[in-house]
Amino acid sequence: MSTKFCVIYTPFPNKESAMRVAKLLLEKKLIACANLIENATSLYFWEGKLEESAETIMIAKTKKSLFNQVKDAISANHPYTCPCIISYDIEQGNESYLQWIDNWVDNSTIKD
């Protein structure tokens, strides 16, 4: 059962923007849960320059079949022009938790 679920990792410039997008995804029943981790230090090259910034990381749990809809919703509401939106498969997990994800996200929103 667990191979049908994923975790989506997305950094945001601040807690407010991460909270806004997380709530949107929850209200649309595209994700079952989002964890927001503040004050992560990110180092990266952008436009040829080494950057360092504090970001808030959103970790969302959902079904793999909803990834594209989640990605599109994040992209449309993210303040960055090129947001990091990465999915990791959940290979194993607490079966009752995975069942909760399965029951919570709205299956009617899945587009095949």
N, C-alpha and C. Protein backbone atom coordinates (compact mmCIF):
# COMPACT_ATOMS: atom_id res chain seq x y z
N MET A 1 0.81 -1.19 0.00
CA MET A 1 0.00 0.00 0.00
C MET A 1 0.86 1.26 0.00
N SER A 2 1.99 1.25 0.65
CA SER A 2 2.75 2.48 0.88
C SER A 2 3.39 3.07 -0.37
N THR A 3 3.56 2.30 -1.43
CA THR A 3 4.22 2.86 -2.61
C THR A 3 3.34 3.86 -3.36
N LYS A 4 2.11 4.04 -2.96
CA LYS A 4 1.25 5.01 -3.65
C LYS A 4 1.31 6.40 -3.02
N PHE A 5 2.16 6.59 -2.02
CA PHE A 5 2.24 7.86 -1.31
C PHE A 5 3.59 8.54 -1.55
N CYS A 6 3.62 9.86 -1.32
CA CYS A 6 4.88 10.59 -1.47
C CYS A 6 4.93 11.76 -0.50
N VAL A 7 6.15 12.25 -0.32
CA VAL A 7 6.43 13.45 0.44
C VAL A 7 6.89 14.49 -0.57
N ILE A 8 6.37 15.70 -0.45
CA ILE A 8 6.77 16.78 -1.35
C ILE A 8 7.52 17.82 -0.53
N TYR A 9 8.72 18.14 -0.99
CA TYR A 9 9.63 19.07 -0.32
C TYR A 9 9.67 20.37 -1.10
N THR A 10 9.38 21.48 -0.44
CA THR A 10 9.42 22.79 -1.10
C THR A 10 9.87 23.87 -0.12
N PRO A 11 10.98 24.56 -0.39
CA PRO A 11 11.38 25.70 0.42
C PRO A 11 10.61 26.98 0.03
N PHE A 12 10.38 27.82 1.01
CA PHE A 12 9.73 29.12 0.82
C PHE A 12 10.60 30.20 1.45
N PRO A 13 10.44 31.45 1.03
CA PRO A 13 11.27 32.51 1.59
C PRO A 13 10.92 32.87 3.04
N ASN A 14 9.70 32.50 3.48
CA ASN A 14 9.29 32.83 4.84
C ASN A 14 8.12 31.95 5.27
N LYS A 15 7.83 32.00 6.56
CA LYS A 15 6.75 31.18 7.11
C LYS A 15 5.39 31.57 6.55
N GLU A 16 5.17 32.85 6.35
CA GLU A 16 3.87 33.32 5.88
C GLU A 16 3.50 32.73 4.51
N SER A 17 4.43 32.76 3.59
CA SER A 17 4.14 32.22 2.25
C SER A 17 3.98 30.70 2.30
N ALA A 18 4.78 30.03 3.12
CA ALA A 18 4.65 28.58 3.26
C ALA A 18 3.31 28.23 3.88
N MET A 19 2.90 28.96 4.90
CA MET A 19 1.62 28.72 5.57
C MET A 19 0.45 28.93 4.61
N ARG A 20 0.53 30.00 3.82
CA ARG A 20 -0.54 30.30 2.87
C ARG A 20 -0.72 29.17 1.87
N VAL A 21 0.38 28.67 1.31
CA VAL A 21 0.30 27.60 0.32
C VAL A 21 -0.12 26.28 0.98
N ALA A 22 0.40 25.99 2.16
CA ALA A 22 0.02 24.76 2.86
C ALA A 22 -1.48 24.74 3.13
N LYS A 23 -2.02 25.85 3.60
CA LYS A 23 -3.46 25.92 3.88
C LYS A 23 -4.28 25.75 2.61
N LEU A 24 -3.81 26.34 1.51
CA LEU A 24 -4.49 26.20 0.23
C LEU A 24 -4.55 24.73 -0.19
N LEU A 25 -3.41 24.04 -0.08
CA LEU A 25 -3.35 22.63 -0.46
C LEU A 25 -4.23 21.77 0.44
N LEU A 26 -4.26 22.09 1.72
CA LEU A 26 -5.12 21.35 2.66
C LEU A 26 -6.59 21.59 2.36
N GLU A 27 -6.95 22.84 2.12
CA GLU A 27 -8.35 23.16 1.83
C GLU A 27 -8.84 22.49 0.55
N LYS A 28 -7.94 22.34 -0.42
CA LYS A 28 -8.29 21.66 -1.67
C LYS A 28 -8.22 20.13 -1.54
N LYS A 29 -7.82 19.66 -0.35
CA LYS A 29 -7.66 18.23 -0.06
C LYS A 29 -6.67 17.57 -1.02
N LEU A 30 -5.63 18.34 -1.41
CA LEU A 30 -4.56 17.79 -2.25
C LEU A 30 -3.46 17.16 -1.41
N ILE A 31 -3.37 17.57 -0.14
CA ILE A 31 -2.40 16.97 0.79
C ILE A 31 -3.13 16.65 2.08
N ALA A 32 -2.57 15.73 2.85
CA ALA A 32 -3.17 15.37 4.14
C ALA A 32 -2.52 16.14 5.28
N CYS A 33 -1.27 16.54 5.10
CA CYS A 33 -0.52 17.16 6.18
C CYS A 33 0.65 17.95 5.60
N ALA A 34 0.99 19.04 6.27
CA ALA A 34 2.19 19.80 5.91
C ALA A 34 2.95 20.15 7.18
N ASN A 35 4.24 19.94 7.16
CA ASN A 35 5.12 20.37 8.24
C ASN A 35 5.91 21.55 7.74
N LEU A 36 5.99 22.60 8.55
CA LEU A 36 6.75 23.79 8.19
C LEU A 36 7.94 23.89 9.14
N ILE A 37 9.12 23.93 8.56
CA ILE A 37 10.36 24.00 9.34
C ILE A 37 11.00 25.36 9.04
N GLU A 38 11.04 26.20 10.05
CA GLU A 38 11.56 27.56 9.88
C GLU A 38 13.07 27.62 10.04
N ASN A 39 13.64 28.69 9.50
CA ASN A 39 15.05 29.04 9.67
C ASN A 39 16.03 28.02 9.13
N ALA A 40 15.67 27.37 8.03
CA ALA A 40 16.62 26.50 7.34
C ALA A 40 17.56 27.41 6.55
N THR A 41 18.84 27.13 6.59
CA THR A 41 19.79 27.89 5.81
C THR A 41 19.99 27.23 4.46
N SER A 42 19.76 27.97 3.40
CA SER A 42 19.92 27.45 2.05
C SER A 42 21.09 28.16 1.38
N LEU A 43 21.93 27.38 0.73
CA LEU A 43 23.06 27.88 -0.05
C LEU A 43 22.87 27.40 -1.48
N TYR A 44 23.00 28.31 -2.45
CA TYR A 44 22.77 27.95 -3.83
C TYR A 44 23.31 29.04 -4.75
N PHE A 45 23.55 28.67 -5.99
CA PHE A 45 23.92 29.66 -6.99
C PHE A 45 22.65 30.10 -7.70
N TRP A 46 22.49 31.41 -7.84
CA TRP A 46 21.37 31.96 -8.58
C TRP A 46 21.89 33.12 -9.41
N GLU A 47 21.66 33.02 -10.71
CA GLU A 47 22.11 34.03 -11.66
C GLU A 47 23.60 34.31 -11.50
N GLY A 48 24.38 33.23 -11.34
CA GLY A 48 25.83 33.31 -11.28
C GLY A 48 26.42 33.75 -9.96
N LYS A 49 25.60 33.93 -8.96
CA LYS A 49 26.07 34.43 -7.68
C LYS A 49 25.73 33.44 -6.56
N LEU A 50 26.69 33.21 -5.66
CA LEU A 50 26.44 32.35 -4.51
C LEU A 50 25.51 33.07 -3.55
N GLU A 51 24.40 32.45 -3.24
CA GLU A 51 23.39 33.04 -2.35
C GLU A 51 23.32 32.23 -1.06
N GLU A 52 22.94 32.91 0.01
CA GLU A 52 22.66 32.27 1.29
C GLU A 52 21.41 32.94 1.84
N SER A 53 20.42 32.12 2.20
CA SER A 53 19.18 32.70 2.70
C SER A 53 18.54 31.78 3.74
N ALA A 54 17.75 32.40 4.60
CA ALA A 54 16.93 31.65 5.55
C ALA A 54 15.62 31.34 4.85
N GLU A 55 15.18 30.10 4.93
CA GLU A 55 13.94 29.70 4.28
C GLU A 55 13.11 28.87 5.25
N THR A 56 11.83 28.74 4.93
CA THR A 56 10.93 27.83 5.63
C THR A 56 10.66 26.67 4.70
N ILE A 57 10.90 25.47 5.19
CA ILE A 57 10.71 24.27 4.38
C ILE A 57 9.32 23.70 4.63
N MET A 58 8.60 23.43 3.56
CA MET A 58 7.31 22.73 3.67
C MET A 58 7.53 21.28 3.24
N ILE A 59 7.11 20.37 4.09
CA ILE A 59 7.12 18.95 3.78
C ILE A 59 5.67 18.50 3.82
N ALA A 60 5.15 18.11 2.67
CA ALA A 60 3.73 17.73 2.56
C ALA A 60 3.60 16.26 2.22
N LYS A 61 2.57 15.62 2.77
CA LYS A 61 2.31 14.21 2.50
C LYS A 61 1.03 14.07 1.70
N THR A 62 1.11 13.24 0.64
CA THR A 62 -0.04 13.05 -0.24
C THR A 62 0.10 11.75 -1.02
N LYS A 63 -0.77 11.58 -2.00
CA LYS A 63 -0.70 10.44 -2.92
C LYS A 63 0.16 10.82 -4.12
N LYS A 64 0.94 9.89 -4.62
CA LYS A 64 1.76 10.14 -5.80
C LYS A 64 0.90 10.59 -6.98
N SER A 65 -0.31 10.07 -7.08
CA SER A 65 -1.20 10.41 -8.19
C SER A 65 -1.63 11.87 -8.18
N LEU A 66 -1.44 12.55 -7.05
CA LEU A 66 -1.80 13.97 -6.95
C LEU A 66 -0.61 14.90 -7.14
N PHE A 67 0.58 14.36 -7.37
CA PHE A 67 1.78 15.19 -7.44
C PHE A 67 1.63 16.34 -8.43
N ASN A 68 1.19 16.08 -9.64
CA ASN A 68 1.12 17.14 -10.65
C ASN A 68 0.17 18.26 -10.23
N GLN A 69 -0.94 17.92 -9.60
CA GLN A 69 -1.87 18.95 -9.14
C GLN A 69 -1.26 19.76 -7.99
N VAL A 70 -0.56 19.08 -7.09
CA VAL A 70 0.11 19.78 -5.99
C VAL A 70 1.19 20.70 -6.56
N LYS A 71 1.99 20.17 -7.46
CA LYS A 71 3.07 20.95 -8.10
C LYS A 71 2.50 22.19 -8.78
N ASP A 72 1.42 22.02 -9.52
CA ASP A 72 0.81 23.16 -10.22
C ASP A 72 0.28 24.20 -9.24
N ALA A 73 -0.34 23.75 -8.15
CA ALA A 73 -0.88 24.69 -7.15
C ALA A 73 0.25 25.43 -6.44
N ILE A 74 1.32 24.71 -6.11
CA ILE A 74 2.47 25.37 -5.48
C ILE A 74 3.07 26.38 -6.44
N SER A 75 3.31 25.97 -7.67
CA SER A 75 3.91 26.86 -8.67
C SER A 75 3.10 28.13 -8.87
N ALA A 76 1.79 28.00 -8.91
CA ALA A 76 0.91 29.15 -9.15
C ALA A 76 0.86 30.11 -7.97
N ASN A 77 1.25 29.63 -6.78
CA ASN A 77 1.12 30.45 -5.57
C ASN A 77 2.43 30.70 -4.85
N HIS A 78 3.53 30.29 -5.44
CA HIS A 78 4.85 30.42 -4.81
C HIS A 78 5.48 31.74 -5.21
N PRO A 79 6.13 32.44 -4.28
CA PRO A 79 6.74 33.72 -4.64
C PRO A 79 8.00 33.61 -5.50
N TYR A 80 8.66 32.45 -5.55
CA TYR A 80 9.86 32.30 -6.38
C TYR A 80 9.49 32.07 -7.84
N THR A 81 10.34 32.53 -8.74
CA THR A 81 10.11 32.29 -10.17
C THR A 81 10.43 30.85 -10.56
N CYS A 82 11.31 30.20 -9.78
CA CYS A 82 11.71 28.82 -10.07
C CYS A 82 11.74 28.04 -8.75
N PRO A 83 10.55 27.72 -8.20
CA PRO A 83 10.55 27.04 -6.90
C PRO A 83 11.01 25.58 -6.99
N CYS A 84 11.66 25.13 -5.95
CA CYS A 84 12.03 23.72 -5.81
C CYS A 84 10.79 22.97 -5.35
N ILE A 85 10.33 22.04 -6.16
CA ILE A 85 9.19 21.20 -5.80
C ILE A 85 9.60 19.77 -6.13
N ILE A 86 9.99 19.02 -5.10
CA ILE A 86 10.55 17.69 -5.30
C ILE A 86 9.71 16.65 -4.56
N SER A 87 9.48 15.54 -5.20
CA SER A 87 8.70 14.45 -4.61
C SER A 87 9.61 13.28 -4.28
N TYR A 88 9.39 12.72 -3.09
CA TYR A 88 10.08 11.51 -2.65
C TYR A 88 9.03 10.45 -2.37
N ASP A 89 9.19 9.27 -2.95
CA ASP A 89 8.25 8.18 -2.68
C ASP A 89 8.37 7.72 -1.24
N ILE A 90 7.24 7.41 -0.65
CA ILE A 90 7.21 6.79 0.68
C ILE A 90 7.19 5.28 0.44
N GLU A 91 8.31 4.64 0.68
CA GLU A 91 8.43 3.21 0.43
C GLU A 91 7.83 2.38 1.56
N GLN A 92 7.95 2.89 2.79
CA GLN A 92 7.41 2.20 3.95
C GLN A 92 6.90 3.24 4.92
N GLY A 93 5.99 2.83 5.79
CA GLY A 93 5.48 3.76 6.79
C GLY A 93 4.48 3.09 7.71
N ASN A 94 4.08 3.83 8.70
CA ASN A 94 3.06 3.38 9.64
C ASN A 94 1.76 3.20 8.85
N GLU A 95 1.27 1.99 8.75
CA GLU A 95 0.11 1.70 7.91
C GLU A 95 -1.12 2.52 8.30
N SER A 96 -1.33 2.74 9.60
CA SER A 96 -2.51 3.53 10.00
C SER A 96 -2.36 4.99 9.55
N TYR A 97 -1.14 5.52 9.57
CA TYR A 97 -0.90 6.88 9.10
C TYR A 97 -1.12 6.96 7.59
N LEU A 98 -0.61 6.00 6.86
CA LEU A 98 -0.79 5.98 5.41
C LEU A 98 -2.26 5.84 5.04
N GLN A 99 -2.99 5.06 5.83
CA GLN A 99 -4.43 4.92 5.60
C GLN A 99 -5.14 6.24 5.83
N TRP A 100 -4.68 6.99 6.84
CA TRP A 100 -5.25 8.31 7.11
C TRP A 100 -5.02 9.24 5.91
N ILE A 101 -3.81 9.23 5.34
CA ILE A 101 -3.55 10.03 4.14
C ILE A 101 -4.51 9.62 3.04
N ASP A 102 -4.62 8.31 2.84
CA ASP A 102 -5.47 7.77 1.78
C ASP A 102 -6.92 8.22 1.96
N ASN A 103 -7.39 8.22 3.20
CA ASN A 103 -8.77 8.62 3.48
C ASN A 103 -8.98 10.12 3.39
N TRP A 104 -7.94 10.91 3.72
CA TRP A 104 -8.12 12.36 3.80
C TRP A 104 -8.10 13.05 2.45
N VAL A 105 -7.08 12.77 1.62
CA VAL A 105 -7.00 13.50 0.36
C VAL A 105 -8.20 13.11 -0.51
N ASP A 106 -8.64 14.07 -1.28
CA ASP A 106 -9.87 13.90 -2.04
C ASP A 106 -9.59 13.14 -3.33
N ASN A 107 -10.06 11.90 -3.38
CA ASN A 107 -9.84 11.08 -4.58
C ASN A 107 -10.51 11.66 -5.82
N SER A 108 -11.54 12.47 -5.63
CA SER A 108 -12.22 13.04 -6.79
C SER A 108 -11.38 14.10 -7.49
N THR A 109 -10.31 14.57 -6.82
CA THR A 109 -9.45 15.58 -7.45
C THR A 109 -8.37 14.97 -8.33
N ILE A 110 -8.23 13.65 -8.29
CA ILE A 110 -7.17 12.99 -9.04
C ILE A 110 -7.52 12.99 -10.52
N LYS A 111 -6.58 13.51 -11.31
CA LYS A 111 -6.73 13.51 -12.77
C LYS A 111 -5.75 12.50 -13.34
N ASP A 112 -6.24 11.50 -14.00
CA ASP A 112 -5.35 10.49 -14.60
C ASP A 112 -4.94 10.89 -15.99
